[in-house]
C-alpha atoms as a PDB file:
ATOM      1  CA  UNK A   1      14.895 142.579-244.411  1.00  0.00           C
ATOM      2  CA  UNK A   2      13.727 139.815-242.651  1.00  0.00           C
ATOM      3  CA  UNK A   3      15.229 140.775-238.780  1.00  0.00           C
ATOM      4  CA  UNK A   4      15.055 143.922-239.690  1.00  0.00           C
ATOM      5  CA  UNK A   5      10.809 143.547-238.897  1.00  0.00           C
ATOM      6  CA  UNK A   6      11.509 141.055-236.495  1.00  0.00           C
ATOM      7  CA  UNK A   7      13.542 143.664-234.829  1.00  0.00           C
ATOM      8  CA  UNK A   8      10.585 146.019-234.929  1.00  0.00           C
ATOM      9  CA  UNK A   9       8.163 143.441-233.650  1.00  0.00           C
ATOM     10  CA  UNK A  10      10.591 143.333-230.713  1.00  0.00           C
ATOM     11  CA  UNK A  11      11.087 146.692-230.356  1.00  0.00           C
ATOM     12  CA  UNK A  12       7.375 147.318-230.258  1.00  0.00           C
ATOM     13  CA  UNK A  13       6.203 144.674-227.582  1.00  0.00           C
ATOM     14  CA  UNK A  14       9.033 146.035-225.864  1.00  0.00           C
ATOM     15  CA  UNK A  15       8.134 149.422-225.623  1.00  0.00           C
ATOM     16  CA  UNK A  16       4.919 148.693-225.123  1.00  0.00           C
ATOM     17  CA  UNK A  17       6.058 146.758-222.078  1.00  0.00           C
ATOM     18  CA  UNK A  18       4.601 142.915-222.921  1.00  0.00           C
ATOM     19  CA  UNK A  19       5.951 140.692-222.598  1.00  0.00           C
ATOM     20  CA  UNK A  20       5.922 138.700-225.617  1.00  0.00           C
ATOM     21  CA  UNK A  21       7.230 135.984-228.129  1.00  0.00           C
ATOM     22  CA  UNK A  22       6.337 136.230-231.412  1.00  0.00           C
ATOM     23  CA  UNK A  23       8.449 133.919-233.983  1.00  0.00           C
ATOM     24  CA  UNK A  24       7.931 132.446-237.146  1.00  0.00           C
ATOM     25  CA  UNK A  25       8.622 128.616-236.274  1.00  0.00           C
ATOM     26  CA  UNK A  26       8.951 127.262-239.978  1.00  0.00           C
ATOM     27  CA  UNK A  27       8.671 127.732-242.988  1.00  0.00           C
ATOM     28  CA  UNK A  28       8.619 125.860-246.181  1.00  0.00           C
ATOM     29  CA  UNK A  29       7.519 126.363-249.756  1.00  0.00           C
ATOM     30  CA  UNK A  30       3.825 126.418-249.661  1.00  0.00           C
ATOM     31  CA  UNK A  31       4.020 127.884-246.415  1.00  0.00           C
ATOM     32  CA  UNK A  32       4.748 128.616-242.893  1.00  0.00           C
ATOM     33  CA  UNK A  33       3.434 128.839-238.737  1.00  0.00           C
ATOM     34  CA  UNK A  34       3.283 131.709-236.805  1.00  0.00           C
ATOM     35  CA  UNK A  35       3.543 131.147-233.034  1.00  0.00           C
ATOM     36  CA  UNK A  36       3.111 134.466-230.512  1.00  0.00           C
ATOM     37  CA  UNK A  37       2.713 134.216-226.745  1.00  0.00           C
ATOM     38  CA  UNK A  38       1.670 137.347-224.776  1.00  0.00           C
ATOM     39  CA  UNK A  39       0.354 137.348-220.757  1.00  0.00           C
ATOM     40  CA  UNK A  40      -3.122 139.210-220.221  1.00  0.00           C
ATOM     41  CA  UNK A  41      -3.698 140.839-216.813  1.00  0.00           C
ATOM     42  CA  UNK A  42      -7.163 139.131-216.632  1.00  0.00           C
ATOM     43  CA  UNK A  43      -9.096 135.368-216.552  1.00  0.00           C
ATOM     44  CA  UNK A  44      -9.363 134.170-219.494  1.00  0.00           C
ATOM     45  CA  UNK A  45     -13.184 134.439-219.763  1.00  0.00           C
ATOM     46  CA  UNK A  46     -12.688 138.141-219.817  1.00  0.00           C
ATOM     47  CA  UNK A  47      -9.855 137.352-222.226  1.00  0.00           C
ATOM     48  CA  UNK A  48     -12.342 135.389-224.688  1.00  0.00           C
ATOM     49  CA  UNK A  49     -15.001 138.278-224.673  1.00  0.00           C
ATOM     50  CA  UNK A  50     -12.655 140.605-225.818  1.00  0.00           C
ATOM     51  CA  UNK A  51     -10.955 138.528-228.223  1.00  0.00           C
ATOM     52  CA  UNK A  52     -14.841 138.026-229.878  1.00  0.00           C
ATOM     53  CA  UNK A  53     -14.790 141.504-230.101  1.00  0.00           C
ATOM     54  CA  UNK A  54     -12.573 142.656-232.825  1.00  0.00           C
ATOM     55  CA  UNK A  55     -14.539 145.776-234.068  1.00  0.00           C
ATOM     56  CA  UNK A  56     -12.553 146.738-230.372  1.00  0.00           C
ATOM     57  CA  UNK A  57      -9.416 145.860-230.638  1.00  0.00           C
ATOM     58  CA  UNK A  58      -8.205 144.908-233.799  1.00  0.00           C
ATOM     59  CA  UNK A  59      -6.289 147.944-235.692  1.00  0.00           C
ATOM     60  CA  UNK A  60      -8.398 149.975-238.560  1.00  0.00           C
ATOM     61  CA  UNK A  61      -5.242 149.616-240.807  1.00  0.00           C
ATOM     62  CA  UNK A  62      -5.469 146.334-241.418  1.00  0.00           C
ATOM     63  CA  UNK A  63      -9.310 145.826-243.198  1.00  0.00           C
ATOM     64  CA  UNK A  64     -10.435 146.192-245.899  1.00  0.00           C
ATOM     65  CA  UNK A  65     -12.704 149.364-244.936  1.00  0.00           C
ATOM     66  CA  UNK A  66      -9.672 150.792-243.222  1.00  0.00           C
ATOM     67  CA  UNK A  67     -12.082 150.984-240.227  1.00  0.00           C
ATOM     68  CA  UNK A  68     -11.828 148.315-237.658  1.00  0.00           C
ATOM     69  CA  UNK A  69     -15.409 149.088-236.168  1.00  0.00           C
ATOM     70  CA  UNK A  70     -16.890 147.476-239.593  1.00  0.00           C
ATOM     71  CA  UNK A  71     -15.396 144.168-238.201  1.00  0.00           C
ATOM     72  CA  UNK A  72     -17.880 141.157-236.197  1.00  0.00           C
ATOM     73  CA  UNK A  73     -17.140 137.648-235.064  1.00  0.00           C
ATOM     74  CA  UNK A  74     -20.400 135.494-234.229  1.00  0.00           C
ATOM     75  CA  UNK A  75     -19.062 132.721-231.168  1.00  0.00           C
ATOM     76  CA  UNK A  76     -19.713 129.603-233.080  1.00  0.00           C
ATOM     77  CA  UNK A  77     -19.022 127.125-234.962  1.00  0.00           C
ATOM     78  CA  UNK A  78     -19.823 127.765-238.483  1.00  0.00           C
ATOM     79  CA  UNK A  79     -19.596 131.709-237.590  1.00  0.00           C
ATOM     80  CA  UNK A  80     -18.343 134.355-239.245  1.00  0.00           C
ATOM     81  CA  UNK A  81     -15.674 136.775-239.093  1.00  0.00           C
ATOM     82  CA  UNK A  82     -16.639 139.584-240.971  1.00  0.00           C
ATOM     83  CA  UNK A  83     -16.498 143.014-241.766  1.00  0.00           C
ATOM     84  CA  UNK A  84     -19.717 144.925-243.737  1.00  0.00           C
ATOM     85  CA  UNK A  85     -19.687 148.533-244.484  1.00  0.00           C
ATOM     86  CA  UNK A  86     -21.770 150.099-246.756  1.00  0.00           C
ATOM     87  CA  UNK A  87     -19.879 149.809-250.161  1.00  0.00           C
ATOM     88  CA  UNK A  88     -19.191 146.324-249.327  1.00  0.00           C
ATOM     89  CA  UNK A  89     -18.526 142.721-247.376  1.00  0.00           C
ATOM     90  CA  UNK A  90     -15.578 140.694-246.501  1.00  0.00           C
ATOM     91  CA  UNK A  91     -15.562 136.908-245.360  1.00  0.00           C
ATOM     92  CA  UNK A  92     -12.262 136.822-243.358  1.00  0.00           C
ATOM     93  CA  UNK A  93     -12.587 133.641-241.920  1.00  0.00           C
ATOM     94  CA  UNK A  94     -15.606 130.899-240.654  1.00  0.00           C
ATOM     95  CA  UNK A  95     -15.035 130.007-236.770  1.00  0.00           C
ATOM     96  CA  UNK A  96     -14.068 126.101-236.112  1.00  0.00           C
ATOM     97  CA  UNK A  97     -14.412 126.154-232.479  1.00  0.00           C
ATOM     98  CA  UNK A  98     -15.397 128.213-230.375  1.00  0.00           C
ATOM     99  CA  UNK A  99     -14.651 127.398-226.436  1.00  0.00           C
ATOM    100  CA  UNK A 100     -15.023 129.954-224.331  1.00  0.00           C
ATOM    101  CA  UNK A 101     -12.193 131.435-221.578  1.00  0.00           C
ATOM    102  CA  UNK A 102     -10.241 128.429-223.696  1.00  0.00           C
ATOM    103  CA  UNK A 103     -10.240 128.192-227.943  1.00  0.00           C
ATOM    104  CA  UNK A 104     -11.495 129.938-230.449  1.00  0.00           C
ATOM    105  CA  UNK A 105     -10.741 128.534-233.652  1.00  0.00           C
ATOM    106  CA  UNK A 106     -10.704 130.486-237.539  1.00  0.00           C
ATOM    107  CA  UNK A 107     -10.192 129.094-240.770  1.00  0.00           C
ATOM    108  CA  UNK A 108     -10.479 131.327-243.738  1.00  0.00           C
ATOM    109  CA  UNK A 109      -7.105 133.411-245.403  1.00  0.00           C
ATOM    110  CA  UNK A 110      -6.236 137.030-244.435  1.00  0.00           C
ATOM    111  CA  UNK A 111      -5.585 139.932-245.794  1.00  0.00           C
ATOM    112  CA  UNK A 112      -3.793 140.082-248.748  1.00  0.00           C
ATOM    113  CA  UNK A 113      -4.028 136.068-248.846  1.00  0.00           C
ATOM    114  CA  UNK A 114      -7.721 136.340-249.995  1.00  0.00           C
ATOM    115  CA  UNK A 115      -6.744 136.689-253.894  1.00  0.00           C
ATOM    116  CA  UNK A 116      -4.217 133.535-253.570  1.00  0.00           C
ATOM    117  CA  UNK A 117      -5.152 130.108-253.723  1.00  0.00           C
ATOM    118  CA  UNK A 118      -3.646 130.125-249.328  1.00  0.00           C
ATOM    119  CA  UNK A 119      -5.956 128.876-246.200  1.00  0.00           C
ATOM    120  CA  UNK A 120      -5.022 129.381-242.537  1.00  0.00           C
ATOM    121  CA  UNK A 121      -5.820 127.792-239.753  1.00  0.00           C
ATOM    122  CA  UNK A 122      -5.633 130.512-236.537  1.00  0.00           C
ATOM    123  CA  UNK A 123      -6.130 129.558-233.026  1.00  0.00           C
ATOM    124  CA  UNK A 124      -5.923 131.567-229.732  1.00  0.00           C
ATOM    125  CA  UNK A 125      -5.786 129.408-226.996  1.00  0.00           C
ATOM    126  CA  UNK A 126      -6.422 130.685-222.915  1.00  0.00           C
ATOM    127  CA  UNK A 127      -5.100 129.490-220.237  1.00  0.00           C
ATOM    128  CA  UNK A 128      -4.706 130.475-216.146  1.00  0.00           C
ATOM    129  CA  UNK A 129      -1.421 131.625-215.461  1.00  0.00           C
ATOM    130  CA  UNK A 130      -0.175 133.653-213.226  1.00  0.00           C
ATOM    131  CA  UNK A 131      -3.528 135.864-211.692  1.00  0.00           C
ATOM    132  CA  UNK A 132      -3.712 136.720-215.671  1.00  0.00           C
ATOM    133  CA  UNK A 133      -3.954 134.608-219.088  1.00  0.00           C
ATOM    134  CA  UNK A 134      -1.079 133.237-221.291  1.00  0.00           C
ATOM    135  CA  UNK A 135      -2.759 133.620-224.882  1.00  0.00           C
ATOM    136  CA  UNK A 136      -1.015 131.447-227.162  1.00  0.00           C
ATOM    137  CA  UNK A 137      -1.588 132.456-230.892  1.00  0.00           C
ATOM    138  CA  UNK A 138      -0.845 130.204-233.865  1.00  0.00           C
ATOM    139  CA  UNK A 139      -1.526 130.378-237.184  1.00  0.00           C
ATOM    140  CA  UNK A 140      -0.302 127.957-240.062  1.00  0.00           C
ATOM    141  CA  UNK A 141      -0.740 129.434-243.257  1.00  0.00           C
ATOM    142  CA  UNK A 142      -0.211 127.713-246.512  1.00  0.00           C
ATOM    143  CA  UNK A 143      -1.655 126.712-249.945  1.00  0.00           C
ATOM    144  CA  UNK A 144      -0.615 128.264-253.730  1.00  0.00           C
ATOM    145  CA  UNK A 145       0.391 131.975-253.984  1.00  0.00           C
ATOM    146  CA  UNK A 146       1.941 133.518-256.891  1.00  0.00           C
ATOM    147  CA  UNK A 147       5.243 134.342-256.696  1.00  0.00           C
ATOM    148  CA  UNK A 148       6.452 132.155-253.052  1.00  0.00           C
ATOM    149  CA  UNK A 149       5.611 133.683-249.968  1.00  0.00           C
ATOM    150  CA  UNK A 150       9.031 135.688-250.055  1.00  0.00           C
ATOM    151  CA  UNK A 151       8.644 138.024-247.016  1.00  0.00           C
ATOM    152  CA  UNK A 152       5.223 136.870-246.024  1.00  0.00           C
ATOM    153  CA  UNK A 153       6.053 135.366-242.960  1.00  0.00           C
ATOM    154  CA  UNK A 154       7.582 137.760-241.110  1.00  0.00           C
ATOM    155  CA  UNK A 155       5.058 140.477-242.130  1.00  0.00           C
ATOM    156  CA  UNK A 156       2.443 138.207-240.697  1.00  0.00           C
ATOM    157  CA  UNK A 157       3.763 137.864-237.510  1.00  0.00           C
ATOM    158  CA  UNK A 158       4.622 141.552-237.293  1.00  0.00           C
ATOM    159  CA  UNK A 159       1.274 142.185-237.742  1.00  0.00           C
ATOM    160  CA  UNK A 160      -0.627 139.764-235.844  1.00  0.00           C
ATOM    161  CA  UNK A 161       2.285 140.428-233.207  1.00  0.00           C
ATOM    162  CA  UNK A 162       0.805 143.969-233.760  1.00  0.00           C
ATOM    163  CA  UNK A 163      -2.734 142.630-232.676  1.00  0.00           C
ATOM    164  CA  UNK A 164      -1.248 140.124-229.769  1.00  0.00           C
ATOM    165  CA  UNK A 165      -0.228 143.623-228.054  1.00  0.00           C
ATOM    166  CA  UNK A 166      -4.236 145.863-228.573  1.00  0.00           C
ATOM    167  CA  UNK A 167      -6.208 142.982-227.605  1.00  0.00           C
ATOM    168  CA  UNK A 168      -4.011 142.977-224.583  1.00  0.00           C
ATOM    169  CA  UNK A 169      -3.559 146.463-224.375  1.00  0.00           C
ATOM    170  CA  UNK A 170      -7.169 146.909-224.480  1.00  0.00           C
ATOM    171  CA  UNK A 171      -8.837 143.764-221.968  1.00  0.00           C
ATOM    172  CA  UNK A 172      -5.900 145.562-219.481  1.00  0.00           C
ATOM    173  CA  UNK A 173      -6.975 149.105-219.862  1.00  0.00           C
ATOM    174  CA  UNK A 174      -9.994 149.198-222.676  1.00  0.00           C
ATOM    175  CA  UNK A 175      -8.296 151.049-225.008  1.00  0.00           C
ATOM    176  CA  UNK A 176      -6.118 149.267-227.387  1.00  0.00           C
ATOM    177  CA  UNK A 177      -4.387 152.470-228.137  1.00  0.00           C
END
């Protein structure tokens, strides 16, 4: 199953014409680490400006409210990557490092990890390269999850790869779709 999902990620990225590298780089009983790289044809300032507006590019399927328009991100230390809608709200993560055009680091358990004793450090590092920006995503996830992590590393890798592709498309074309 893990190999199948990895193949799907590679096929999706290839279909979308993205030069990307997505991988679960380390796994252990108590966690895993994902690294993804992607080149975006825009300046680091433009990529960062888009990155901090997840409502514009995040896939609605990966929200609690099923509507990415409900997402917000306050890009300052202590700021919230939150989701608010009429029936509720969710704090997805807290900003711990916000350096415009360089780094955005969030701490918190995204999505299905929120109900477990799991924490995550999600870092986006931006670097000017080849007339655009190389984006490195590093997501370190660890802690306790009832039943173990099983297929979660690959599932998280697939979800994050999709978000990276959507970010790239949004920055380059104005639409994540």
